[in-house]
Amino acid sequence: MTMTMRIVTINVPHSYLAAFQSLIDLGLYNSRSQLVRVCLKEFLEKENEFITDLRNDRIQLMKNIKKLTKK
């Protein structure tokens, strides 16, 4: 699946740029853009998992409350 890319400008500390460059120099990433995309993708996947877990916990809590109120 091809995604349409948009340009986003961000400000990061110099230490982040140095770390980015180190990872690129090691050949782990082709560019800063690729590195940032991978980091954002992983972050968003974790956040989505967290939100899903919260929703599931909330549903289970509501079921438990419903059981308790029926007694």
C-alpha atoms as a PDB file:
ATOM      1  CA  MET A   1       0.000   0.000   0.000  1.00  0.00           C
ATOM      2  CA  THR A   2       1.503   3.328  -1.056  1.00  0.00           C
ATOM      3  CA  MET A   3       0.986   6.207   1.344  1.00  0.00           C
ATOM      4  CA  THR A   4       0.913   9.813   0.316  1.00  0.00           C
ATOM      5  CA  MET A   5       3.638  11.661   2.210  1.00  0.00           C
ATOM      6  CA  ARG A   6       3.337  15.162   3.587  1.00  0.00           C
ATOM      7  CA  ILE A   7       6.146  17.406   4.750  1.00  0.00           C
ATOM      8  CA  VAL A   8       6.113  18.198   8.454  1.00  0.00           C
ATOM      9  CA  THR A   9       8.578  20.548  10.081  1.00  0.00           C
ATOM     10  CA  ILE A  10       9.660  19.834  13.661  1.00  0.00           C
ATOM     11  CA  ASN A  11      12.209  21.296  16.025  1.00  0.00           C
ATOM     12  CA  VAL A  12      14.359  18.822  17.940  1.00  0.00           C
ATOM     13  CA  PRO A  13      17.328  19.226  20.246  1.00  0.00           C
ATOM     14  CA  HIS A  14      20.777  18.993  18.694  1.00  0.00           C
ATOM     15  CA  SER A  15      21.396  15.796  20.680  1.00  0.00           C
ATOM     16  CA  TYR A  16      18.499  14.120  18.819  1.00  0.00           C
ATOM     17  CA  LEU A  17      19.986  15.105  15.477  1.00  0.00           C
ATOM     18  CA  ALA A  18      23.353  13.721  16.555  1.00  0.00           C
ATOM     19  CA  ALA A  19      21.700  10.454  17.602  1.00  0.00           C
ATOM     20  CA  PHE A  20      19.790  10.335  14.302  1.00  0.00           C
ATOM     21  CA  GLN A  21      23.015  10.804  12.380  1.00  0.00           C
ATOM     22  CA  SER A  22      24.739   8.048  14.362  1.00  0.00           C
ATOM     23  CA  LEU A  23      21.947   5.599  13.480  1.00  0.00           C
ATOM     24  CA  ILE A  24      22.112   6.655   9.835  1.00  0.00           C
ATOM     25  CA  ASP A  25      25.916   6.327   9.799  1.00  0.00           C
ATOM     26  CA  LEU A  26      25.543   2.782  11.187  1.00  0.00           C
ATOM     27  CA  GLY A  27      23.351   1.999   8.203  1.00  0.00           C
ATOM     28  CA  LEU A  28      20.241   1.316  10.279  1.00  0.00           C
ATOM     29  CA  TYR A  29      18.258   3.976   8.419  1.00  0.00           C
ATOM     30  CA  ASN A  30      18.638   5.611   5.028  1.00  0.00           C
ATOM     31  CA  SER A  31      17.608   9.098   6.154  1.00  0.00           C
ATOM     32  CA  ARG A  32      16.266  11.166   9.019  1.00  0.00           C
ATOM     33  CA  SER A  33      12.852  11.035   7.383  1.00  0.00           C
ATOM     34  CA  GLN A  34      12.856   7.251   7.406  1.00  0.00           C
ATOM     35  CA  LEU A  35      14.050   7.162  11.006  1.00  0.00           C
ATOM     36  CA  VAL A  36      11.345   9.582  12.163  1.00  0.00           C
ATOM     37  CA  ARG A  37       8.655   7.658  10.249  1.00  0.00           C
ATOM     38  CA  VAL A  38       9.708   4.390  11.891  1.00  0.00           C
ATOM     39  CA  CYS A  39       9.791   6.007  15.345  1.00  0.00           C
ATOM     40  CA  LEU A  40       6.379   7.598  14.876  1.00  0.00           C
ATOM     41  CA  LYS A  41       4.887   4.362  13.547  1.00  0.00           C
ATOM     42  CA  GLU A  42       6.156   2.399  16.570  1.00  0.00           C
ATOM     43  CA  PHE A  43       4.985   5.115  18.976  1.00  0.00           C
ATOM     44  CA  LEU A  44       1.520   5.247  17.438  1.00  0.00           C
ATOM     45  CA  GLU A  45       1.215   1.451  17.484  1.00  0.00           C
ATOM     46  CA  LYS A  46       2.048   1.413  21.212  1.00  0.00           C
ATOM     47  CA  GLU A  47      -0.379   4.250  21.921  1.00  0.00           C
ATOM     48  CA  ASN A  48      -3.107   2.473  19.967  1.00  0.00           C
ATOM     49  CA  GLU A  49      -2.454  -0.719  21.950  1.00  0.00           C
ATOM     50  CA  PHE A  50      -2.650   1.281  25.195  1.00  0.00           C
ATOM     51  CA  ILE A  51      -5.968   2.858  24.152  1.00  0.00           C
ATOM     52  CA  THR A  52      -7.346  -0.544  23.140  1.00  0.00           C
ATOM     53  CA  ASP A  53      -6.328  -1.977  26.511  1.00  0.00           C
ATOM     54  CA  LEU A  54      -8.000   0.940  28.303  1.00  0.00           C
ATOM     55  CA  ARG A  55     -11.207   0.409  26.328  1.00  0.00           C
ATOM     56  CA  ASN A  56     -11.174  -3.307  27.083  1.00  0.00           C
ATOM     57  CA  ASP A  57     -10.582  -2.601  30.784  1.00  0.00           C
ATOM     58  CA  ARG A  58     -13.446  -0.101  30.767  1.00  0.00           C
ATOM     59  CA  ILE A  59     -15.784  -2.608  29.104  1.00  0.00           C
ATOM     60  CA  GLN A  60     -14.825  -5.265  31.641  1.00  0.00           C
ATOM     61  CA  LEU A  61     -15.372  -2.814  34.496  1.00  0.00           C
ATOM     62  CA  MET A  62     -18.806  -1.923  33.149  1.00  0.00           C
ATOM     63  CA  LYS A  63     -19.690  -5.639  32.901  1.00  0.00           C
ATOM     64  CA  ASN A  64     -18.557  -6.164  36.482  1.00  0.00           C
ATOM     65  CA  ILE A  65     -20.609  -3.217  37.711  1.00  0.00           C
ATOM     66  CA  LYS A  66     -23.629  -4.511  35.832  1.00  0.00           C
ATOM     67  CA  LYS A  67     -23.209  -7.942  37.489  1.00  0.00           C
ATOM     68  CA  LEU A  68     -22.918  -6.333  40.928  1.00  0.00           C
ATOM     69  CA  THR A  69     -26.026  -4.212  40.469  1.00  0.00           C
ATOM     70  CA  LYS A  70     -28.093  -7.253  39.444  1.00  0.00           C
ATOM     71  CA  LYS A  71     -27.492  -8.974  42.783  1.00  0.00           C
END
